[in-house]
Amino acid sequence: MTGDLGNLRYISPWYGGGMPPDPSLPNRRDARRNRDLFIEHAKATFAEHGVDASLERIAREAGLAIGTLYRHFPTRVDLLLAVFEPKLRDFLATAEAALKMADPWEGFLVFLEALCGAQAYDRGFNDFIARRFPRDERTEVMHDRVCQLARSILSRAQAAGVVRPDIAEADLIALLWANSRIAEATRQVAPGVWRRHMHLVIDGFRAGDRHELPEPSLSPEQLYRVMARLGE
């Protein structure tokens, strides 16, 4: 009986000792709804126009004021993280699994397929994964982990003798840059053709008969500078 009265007092604050309604709850619900609207419209806009898309356009399509957007996401990177962090975490999980595959070449392929596939239909994610944002520690941690996994998967395949020894991490990022342009050019006509060109390039990564490359790869420092410049 005491328990029933306790529940009754909780449900109806007009019973003695009950807590009054919290006036902030509707505001919290509105704020959450607005935040979800911004993320929903940002996801679609970034996918079509890339991470440099107009934030004013995103706010307008969400039916809200730009000031409201900035209250939820003070910087563009805050909004990018809200939109892309779930997708990035899925990719990292796939990369972790690729690193543990018994066949190093298959692990290498799975990693590159996941990397290129994640950005083939999403220009915004392509921009996000292929750029650096040095002023934001959160993105730096994520990008460092992507690069660490890329190096580990590449080194493992090279140690097994299935990937040519002169391939560097920067060559994998260059594949990402090239693939994004192919995917963007063909998306409306042949949305899966990027995979053909990706595998043509990957065949050039195989160990075996090969020509000497006419230019050295970007060094890690040069690669970082290029990615940081793209993120400016």
C-alpha atoms as a PDB file:
ATOM      1  CA  MET A   1       0.000   0.000   0.000  1.00  0.00           C
ATOM      2  CA  THR A   2       2.819   2.373   0.841  1.00  0.00           C
ATOM      3  CA  GLY A   3       4.409   1.610  -2.506  1.00  0.00           C
ATOM      4  CA  ASP A   4       1.133   2.423  -4.284  1.00  0.00           C
ATOM      5  CA  LEU A   5       0.879   5.747  -2.516  1.00  0.00           C
ATOM      6  CA  GLY A   6       4.469   6.494  -3.444  1.00  0.00           C
ATOM      7  CA  ASN A   7       3.683   5.865  -7.079  1.00  0.00           C
ATOM      8  CA  LEU A   8       0.539   7.972  -6.838  1.00  0.00           C
ATOM      9  CA  ARG A   9       2.445  10.872  -5.335  1.00  0.00           C
ATOM     10  CA  TYR A  10       5.002  10.575  -8.139  1.00  0.00           C
ATOM     11  CA  ILE A  11       2.369  10.558 -10.888  1.00  0.00           C
ATOM     12  CA  SER A  12       0.242  13.312  -9.384  1.00  0.00           C
ATOM     13  CA  PRO A  13       2.190  16.063  -7.621  1.00  0.00           C
ATOM     14  CA  TRP A  14      -1.043  17.361  -6.087  1.00  0.00           C
ATOM     15  CA  TYR A  15      -0.817  14.539  -3.557  1.00  0.00           C
ATOM     16  CA  GLY A  16       1.037  15.745  -0.511  1.00  0.00           C
ATOM     17  CA  GLY A  17       4.779  15.958  -0.917  1.00  0.00           C
ATOM     18  CA  GLY A  18       4.764  15.466  -4.694  1.00  0.00           C
ATOM     19  CA  MET A  19       7.319  17.270  -6.879  1.00  0.00           C
ATOM     20  CA  PRO A  20       5.983  20.077  -9.100  1.00  0.00           C
ATOM     21  CA  PRO A  21       6.397  19.692 -12.869  1.00  0.00           C
ATOM     22  CA  ASP A  22       9.806  20.697 -14.214  1.00  0.00           C
ATOM     23  CA  PRO A  23       9.205  23.771 -16.427  1.00  0.00           C
ATOM     24  CA  SER A  24      12.436  23.089 -18.328  1.00  0.00           C
ATOM     25  CA  LEU A  25      11.289  19.741 -19.777  1.00  0.00           C
ATOM     26  CA  PRO A  26       9.421  21.160 -22.815  1.00  0.00           C
ATOM     27  CA  ASN A  27      12.469  23.323 -23.586  1.00  0.00           C
ATOM     28  CA  ARG A  28      14.718  20.296 -23.387  1.00  0.00           C
ATOM     29  CA  ARG A  29      12.460  18.379 -25.738  1.00  0.00           C
ATOM     30  CA  ASP A  30      12.406  21.310 -28.172  1.00  0.00           C
ATOM     31  CA  ALA A  31      16.169  21.631 -27.991  1.00  0.00           C
ATOM     32  CA  ARG A  32      16.638  17.929 -28.695  1.00  0.00           C
ATOM     33  CA  ARG A  33      14.187  18.098 -31.605  1.00  0.00           C
ATOM     34  CA  ASN A  34      16.025  21.115 -33.057  1.00  0.00           C
ATOM     35  CA  ARG A  35      19.401  19.411 -32.681  1.00  0.00           C
ATOM     36  CA  ASP A  36      18.130  16.302 -34.451  1.00  0.00           C
ATOM     37  CA  LEU A  37      16.702  18.447 -37.254  1.00  0.00           C
ATOM     38  CA  PHE A  38      20.034  20.180 -37.779  1.00  0.00           C
ATOM     39  CA  ILE A  39      21.880  16.844 -37.914  1.00  0.00           C
ATOM     40  CA  GLU A  40      19.334  15.347 -40.330  1.00  0.00           C
ATOM     41  CA  HIS A  41      19.539  18.258 -42.767  1.00  0.00           C
ATOM     42  CA  ALA A  42      23.299  18.673 -42.361  1.00  0.00           C
ATOM     43  CA  LYS A  43      23.801  14.998 -43.218  1.00  0.00           C
ATOM     44  CA  ALA A  44      21.908  15.396 -46.508  1.00  0.00           C
ATOM     45  CA  THR A  45      23.497  18.747 -47.371  1.00  0.00           C
ATOM     46  CA  PHE A  46      27.064  17.664 -46.599  1.00  0.00           C
ATOM     47  CA  ALA A  47      26.578  14.434 -48.556  1.00  0.00           C
ATOM     48  CA  GLU A  48      25.628  16.432 -51.663  1.00  0.00           C
ATOM     49  CA  HIS A  49      27.796  19.542 -51.331  1.00  0.00           C
ATOM     50  CA  GLY A  50      30.688  18.556 -49.043  1.00  0.00           C
ATOM     51  CA  VAL A  51      31.764  19.870 -45.659  1.00  0.00           C
ATOM     52  CA  ASP A  52      32.050  23.455 -46.932  1.00  0.00           C
ATOM     53  CA  ALA A  53      28.298  23.623 -47.570  1.00  0.00           C
ATOM     54  CA  SER A  54      26.501  26.709 -46.307  1.00  0.00           C
ATOM     55  CA  LEU A  55      25.439  26.478 -42.678  1.00  0.00           C
ATOM     56  CA  GLU A  56      22.789  29.119 -43.393  1.00  0.00           C
ATOM     57  CA  ARG A  57      21.326  26.751 -45.972  1.00  0.00           C
ATOM     58  CA  ILE A  58      21.251  23.908 -43.447  1.00  0.00           C
ATOM     59  CA  ALA A  59      19.460  26.100 -40.909  1.00  0.00           C
ATOM     60  CA  ARG A  60      16.990  27.308 -43.532  1.00  0.00           C
ATOM     61  CA  GLU A  61      16.176  23.787 -44.708  1.00  0.00           C
ATOM     62  CA  ALA A  62      15.681  22.736 -41.089  1.00  0.00           C
ATOM     63  CA  GLY A  63      13.219  25.633 -40.715  1.00  0.00           C
ATOM     64  CA  LEU A  64      15.243  27.199 -37.902  1.00  0.00           C
ATOM     65  CA  ALA A  65      17.371  30.284 -37.349  1.00  0.00           C
ATOM     66  CA  ILE A  66      21.126  30.251 -37.922  1.00  0.00           C
ATOM     67  CA  GLY A  67      21.570  31.538 -34.375  1.00  0.00           C
ATOM     68  CA  THR A  68      19.827  28.427 -33.081  1.00  0.00           C
ATOM     69  CA  LEU A  69      22.236  26.267 -35.078  1.00  0.00           C
ATOM     70  CA  TYR A  70      25.218  28.032 -33.531  1.00  0.00           C
ATOM     71  CA  ARG A  71      23.799  27.545 -30.049  1.00  0.00           C
ATOM     72  CA  HIS A  72      23.838  23.791 -30.653  1.00  0.00           C
ATOM     73  CA  PHE A  73      27.017  23.688 -32.743  1.00  0.00           C
ATOM     74  CA  PRO A  74      29.300  26.667 -32.031  1.00  0.00           C
ATOM     75  CA  THR A  75      31.718  25.678 -34.834  1.00  0.00           C
ATOM     76  CA  ARG A  76      31.426  23.886 -38.153  1.00  0.00           C
ATOM     77  CA  VAL A  77      33.603  21.075 -36.786  1.00  0.00           C
ATOM     78  CA  ASP A  78      31.118  20.532 -33.929  1.00  0.00           C
ATOM     79  CA  LEU A  79      28.403  19.907 -36.524  1.00  0.00           C
ATOM     80  CA  LEU A  80      30.691  17.720 -38.646  1.00  0.00           C
ATOM     81  CA  LEU A  81      31.455  15.523 -35.643  1.00  0.00           C
ATOM     82  CA  ALA A  82      27.778  15.145 -34.781  1.00  0.00           C
ATOM     83  CA  VAL A  83      27.026  14.102 -38.368  1.00  0.00           C
ATOM     84  CA  PHE A  84      30.023  11.885 -39.157  1.00  0.00           C
ATOM     85  CA  GLU A  85      31.257  10.405 -35.894  1.00  0.00           C
ATOM     86  CA  PRO A  86      28.832   7.411 -36.023  1.00  0.00           C
ATOM     87  CA  LYS A  87      29.904   6.586 -39.595  1.00  0.00           C
ATOM     88  CA  LEU A  88      33.561   6.988 -38.688  1.00  0.00           C
ATOM     89  CA  ARG A  89      33.182   4.625 -35.750  1.00  0.00           C
ATOM     90  CA  ASP A  90      31.611   2.005 -38.035  1.00  0.00           C
ATOM     91  CA  PHE A  91      34.520   2.369 -40.434  1.00  0.00           C
ATOM     92  CA  LEU A  92      37.057   2.035 -37.607  1.00  0.00           C
ATOM     93  CA  ALA A  93      35.353  -1.169 -36.448  1.00  0.00           C
ATOM     94  CA  THR A  94      35.687  -2.583 -39.980  1.00  0.00           C
ATOM     95  CA  ALA A  95      39.331  -1.530 -40.127  1.00  0.00           C
ATOM     96  CA  GLU A  96      40.051  -3.195 -36.785  1.00  0.00           C
ATOM     97  CA  ALA A  97      38.496  -6.406 -38.105  1.00  0.00           C
ATOM     98  CA  ALA A  98      40.535  -6.166 -41.342  1.00  0.00           C
ATOM     99  CA  LEU A  99      43.736  -5.944 -39.318  1.00  0.00           C
ATOM    100  CA  LYS A 100      42.901  -9.268 -37.658  1.00  0.00           C
ATOM    101  CA  MET A 101      42.037 -11.192 -40.838  1.00  0.00           C
ATOM    102  CA  ALA A 102      44.113 -14.317 -41.432  1.00  0.00           C
ATOM    103  CA  ASP A 103      44.994 -13.319 -45.018  1.00  0.00           C
ATOM    104  CA  PRO A 104      46.950  -9.998 -45.048  1.00  0.00           C
ATOM    105  CA  TRP A 105      45.995  -9.287 -48.684  1.00  0.00           C
ATOM    106  CA  GLU A 106      42.295  -9.820 -47.961  1.00  0.00           C
ATOM    107  CA  GLY A 107      42.603  -7.566 -44.910  1.00  0.00           C
ATOM    108  CA  PHE A 108      44.258  -4.926 -47.100  1.00  0.00           C
ATOM    109  CA  LEU A 109      41.422  -5.168 -49.656  1.00  0.00           C
ATOM    110  CA  VAL A 110      38.688  -5.034 -47.004  1.00  0.00           C
ATOM    111  CA  PHE A 111      40.268  -1.919 -45.505  1.00  0.00           C
ATOM    112  CA  LEU A 112      40.518  -0.102 -48.842  1.00  0.00           C
ATOM    113  CA  GLU A 113      37.022  -1.165 -49.902  1.00  0.00           C
ATOM    114  CA  ALA A 114      35.632   0.153 -46.618  1.00  0.00           C
ATOM    115  CA  LEU A 115      37.623   3.383 -46.903  1.00  0.00           C
ATOM    116  CA  CYS A 116      36.603   4.106 -50.495  1.00  0.00           C
ATOM    117  CA  GLY A 117      33.065   2.763 -50.102  1.00  0.00           C
ATOM    118  CA  ALA A 118      32.327   4.954 -47.094  1.00  0.00           C
ATOM    119  CA  GLN A 119      33.046   8.089 -49.096  1.00  0.00           C
ATOM    120  CA  ALA A 120      31.849   7.032 -52.548  1.00  0.00           C
ATOM    121  CA  TYR A 121      28.245   8.095 -51.944  1.00  0.00           C
ATOM    122  CA  ASP A 122      28.890  10.835 -49.405  1.00  0.00           C
ATOM    123  CA  ARG A 123      30.931  13.833 -50.491  1.00  0.00           C
ATOM    124  CA  GLY A 124      30.869  15.226 -46.965  1.00  0.00           C
ATOM    125  CA  PHE A 125      32.336  12.095 -45.395  1.00  0.00           C
ATOM    126  CA  ASN A 126      34.963  12.034 -48.117  1.00  0.00           C
ATOM    127  CA  ASP A 127      35.968  15.586 -47.196  1.00  0.00           C
ATOM    128  CA  PHE A 128      35.920  14.763 -43.505  1.00  0.00           C
ATOM    129  CA  ILE A 129      38.093  11.643 -43.764  1.00  0.00           C
ATOM    130  CA  ALA A 130      40.530  13.103 -46.323  1.00  0.00           C
ATOM    131  CA  ARG A 131      41.228  16.367 -44.504  1.00  0.00           C
ATOM    132  CA  ARG A 132      42.810  17.383 -41.226  1.00  0.00           C
ATOM    133  CA  PHE A 133      41.427  19.953 -38.783  1.00  0.00           C
ATOM    134  CA  PRO A 134      44.512  20.734 -36.678  1.00  0.00           C
ATOM    135  CA  ARG A 135      42.712  23.138 -34.354  1.00  0.00           C
ATOM    136  CA  ASP A 136      40.342  20.433 -33.106  1.00  0.00           C
ATOM    137  CA  GLU A 137      41.846  17.755 -30.872  1.00  0.00           C
ATOM    138  CA  ARG A 138      38.793  15.490 -31.215  1.00  0.00           C
ATOM    139  CA  THR A 139      39.201  15.117 -34.971  1.00  0.00           C
ATOM    140  CA  GLU A 140      42.963  14.798 -34.626  1.00  0.00           C
ATOM    141  CA  VAL A 141      42.527  11.768 -32.365  1.00  0.00           C
ATOM    142  CA  MET A 142      40.142  10.148 -34.836  1.00  0.00           C
ATOM    143  CA  HIS A 143      42.335  10.844 -37.859  1.00  0.00           C
ATOM    144  CA  ASP A 144      45.419   9.611 -36.001  1.00  0.00           C
ATOM    145  CA  ARG A 145      43.624   6.323 -35.369  1.00  0.00           C
ATOM    146  CA  VAL A 146      42.673   5.987 -39.056  1.00  0.00           C
ATOM    147  CA  CYS A 147      46.289   6.608 -40.063  1.00  0.00           C
ATOM    148  CA  GLN A 148      47.592   4.199 -37.437  1.00  0.00           C
ATOM    149  CA  LEU A 149      45.320   1.437 -38.708  1.00  0.00           C
ATOM    150  CA  ALA A 150      46.264   2.185 -42.322  1.00  0.00           C
ATOM    151  CA  ARG A 151      49.958   1.907 -41.474  1.00  0.00           C
ATOM    152  CA  SER A 152      49.454  -1.337 -39.553  1.00  0.00           C
ATOM    153  CA  ILE A 153      47.379  -2.985 -42.298  1.00  0.00           C
ATOM    154  CA  LEU A 154      49.816  -1.837 -44.988  1.00  0.00           C
ATOM    155  CA  SER A 155      52.915  -2.935 -43.038  1.00  0.00           C
ATOM    156  CA  ARG A 156      51.378  -6.349 -42.345  1.00  0.00           C
ATOM    157  CA  ALA A 157      50.647  -6.884 -46.051  1.00  0.00           C
ATOM    158  CA  GLN A 158      54.140  -5.752 -47.006  1.00  0.00           C
ATOM    159  CA  ALA A 159      55.736  -8.029 -44.419  1.00  0.00           C
ATOM    160  CA  ALA A 160      53.770 -10.929 -45.926  1.00  0.00           C
ATOM    161  CA  GLY A 161      55.176 -10.050 -49.354  1.00  0.00           C
ATOM    162  CA  VAL A 162      51.804  -9.350 -50.976  1.00  0.00           C
ATOM    163  CA  VAL A 163      52.059  -5.545 -51.295  1.00  0.00           C
ATOM    164  CA  ARG A 164      55.032  -3.869 -52.958  1.00  0.00           C
ATOM    165  CA  PRO A 165      57.479  -2.396 -50.429  1.00  0.00           C
ATOM    166  CA  ASP A 166      57.539   1.125 -51.888  1.00  0.00           C
ATOM    167  CA  ILE A 167      53.841   1.786 -51.203  1.00  0.00           C
ATOM    168  CA  ALA A 168      53.361   4.348 -48.440  1.00  0.00           C
ATOM    169  CA  GLU A 169      50.439   5.564 -46.342  1.00  0.00           C
ATOM    170  CA  ALA A 170      50.206   8.651 -48.547  1.00  0.00           C
ATOM    171  CA  ASP A 171      49.524   6.422 -51.572  1.00  0.00           C
ATOM    172  CA  LEU A 172      46.417   5.075 -49.812  1.00  0.00           C
ATOM    173  CA  ILE A 173      45.169   8.601 -49.136  1.00  0.00           C
ATOM    174  CA  ALA A 174      45.881   9.532 -52.766  1.00  0.00           C
ATOM    175  CA  LEU A 175      43.684   6.596 -53.790  1.00  0.00           C
ATOM    176  CA  LEU A 176      40.954   8.095 -51.612  1.00  0.00           C
ATOM    177  CA  TRP A 177      41.307  11.505 -53.260  1.00  0.00           C
ATOM    178  CA  ALA A 178      41.233  10.015 -56.768  1.00  0.00           C
ATOM    179  CA  ASN A 179      38.320   7.711 -55.990  1.00  0.00           C
ATOM    180  CA  SER A 180      36.235  10.609 -54.717  1.00  0.00           C
ATOM    181  CA  ARG A 181      36.464  12.405 -58.070  1.00  0.00           C
ATOM    182  CA  ILE A 182      35.566   9.246 -60.006  1.00  0.00           C
ATOM    183  CA  ALA A 183      32.599   8.573 -57.717  1.00  0.00           C
ATOM    184  CA  GLU A 184      31.405  12.172 -58.010  1.00  0.00           C
ATOM    185  CA  ALA A 185      31.683  12.175 -61.822  1.00  0.00           C
ATOM    186  CA  THR A 186      29.861   8.852 -62.332  1.00  0.00           C
ATOM    187  CA  ARG A 187      27.381   8.795 -59.427  1.00  0.00           C
ATOM    188  CA  GLN A 188      24.304   9.677 -61.491  1.00  0.00           C
ATOM    189  CA  VAL A 189      25.130   7.358 -64.408  1.00  0.00           C
ATOM    190  CA  ALA A 190      26.984   4.320 -62.998  1.00  0.00           C
ATOM    191  CA  PRO A 191      27.104   4.614 -59.204  1.00  0.00           C
ATOM    192  CA  GLY A 192      29.193   1.476 -58.687  1.00  0.00           C
ATOM    193  CA  VAL A 193      31.874   1.988 -61.334  1.00  0.00           C
ATOM    194  CA  TRP A 194      34.262   3.524 -58.789  1.00  0.00           C
ATOM    195  CA  ARG A 195      34.949  -0.024 -57.555  1.00  0.00           C
ATOM    196  CA  ARG A 196      36.360  -1.000 -60.973  1.00  0.00           C
ATOM    197  CA  HIS A 197      38.846   1.850 -60.941  1.00  0.00           C
ATOM    198  CA  MET A 198      39.705   1.282 -57.299  1.00  0.00           C
ATOM    199  CA  HIS A 199      40.652  -2.331 -58.041  1.00  0.00           C
ATOM    200  CA  LEU A 200      42.681  -1.292 -61.089  1.00  0.00           C
ATOM    201  CA  VAL A 201      44.732   0.941 -58.806  1.00  0.00           C
ATOM    202  CA  ILE A 202      44.981  -1.704 -56.076  1.00  0.00           C
ATOM    203  CA  ASP A 203      46.401  -4.156 -58.616  1.00  0.00           C
ATOM    204  CA  GLY A 204      49.271  -1.700 -58.939  1.00  0.00           C
ATOM    205  CA  PHE A 205      49.927  -2.134 -55.216  1.00  0.00           C
ATOM    206  CA  ARG A 206      50.600  -5.869 -55.592  1.00  0.00           C
ATOM    207  CA  ALA A 207      54.098  -7.186 -55.096  1.00  0.00           C
ATOM    208  CA  GLY A 208      55.764  -8.892 -58.058  1.00  0.00           C
ATOM    209  CA  ASP A 209      56.864  -7.584 -61.416  1.00  0.00           C
ATOM    210  CA  ARG A 210      56.815  -3.825 -61.196  1.00  0.00           C
ATOM    211  CA  HIS A 211      58.336  -0.688 -62.626  1.00  0.00           C
ATOM    212  CA  GLU A 212      60.221   1.791 -60.522  1.00  0.00           C
ATOM    213  CA  LEU A 213      58.054   4.783 -59.628  1.00  0.00           C
ATOM    214  CA  PRO A 214      59.206   8.118 -61.083  1.00  0.00           C
ATOM    215  CA  GLU A 215      58.449  10.163 -57.953  1.00  0.00           C
ATOM    216  CA  PRO A 216      58.769   9.436 -54.233  1.00  0.00           C
ATOM    217  CA  SER A 217      55.684   9.266 -52.045  1.00  0.00           C
ATOM    218  CA  LEU A 218      54.688  12.175 -49.865  1.00  0.00           C
ATOM    219  CA  SER A 219      56.419  11.962 -46.510  1.00  0.00           C
ATOM    220  CA  PRO A 220      54.195  11.745 -43.414  1.00  0.00           C
ATOM    221  CA  GLU A 221      54.919  15.423 -42.731  1.00  0.00           C
ATOM    222  CA  GLN A 222      54.026  16.424 -46.298  1.00  0.00           C
ATOM    223  CA  LEU A 223      50.854  14.349 -46.176  1.00  0.00           C
ATOM    224  CA  TYR A 224      49.774  16.031 -42.949  1.00  0.00           C
ATOM    225  CA  ARG A 225      50.414  19.482 -44.449  1.00  0.00           C
ATOM    226  CA  VAL A 226      48.339  18.663 -47.531  1.00  0.00           C
ATOM    227  CA  MET A 227      45.445  17.302 -45.471  1.00  0.00           C
ATOM    228  CA  ALA A 228      45.598  20.289 -43.106  1.00  0.00           C
ATOM    229  CA  ARG A 229      45.563  22.713 -46.039  1.00  0.00           C
ATOM    230  CA  LEU A 230      42.453  20.996 -47.416  1.00  0.00           C
ATOM    231  CA  GLY A 231      40.801  21.447 -44.011  1.00  0.00           C
ATOM    232  CA  GLU A 232      41.427  25.194 -43.845  1.00  0.00           C
END
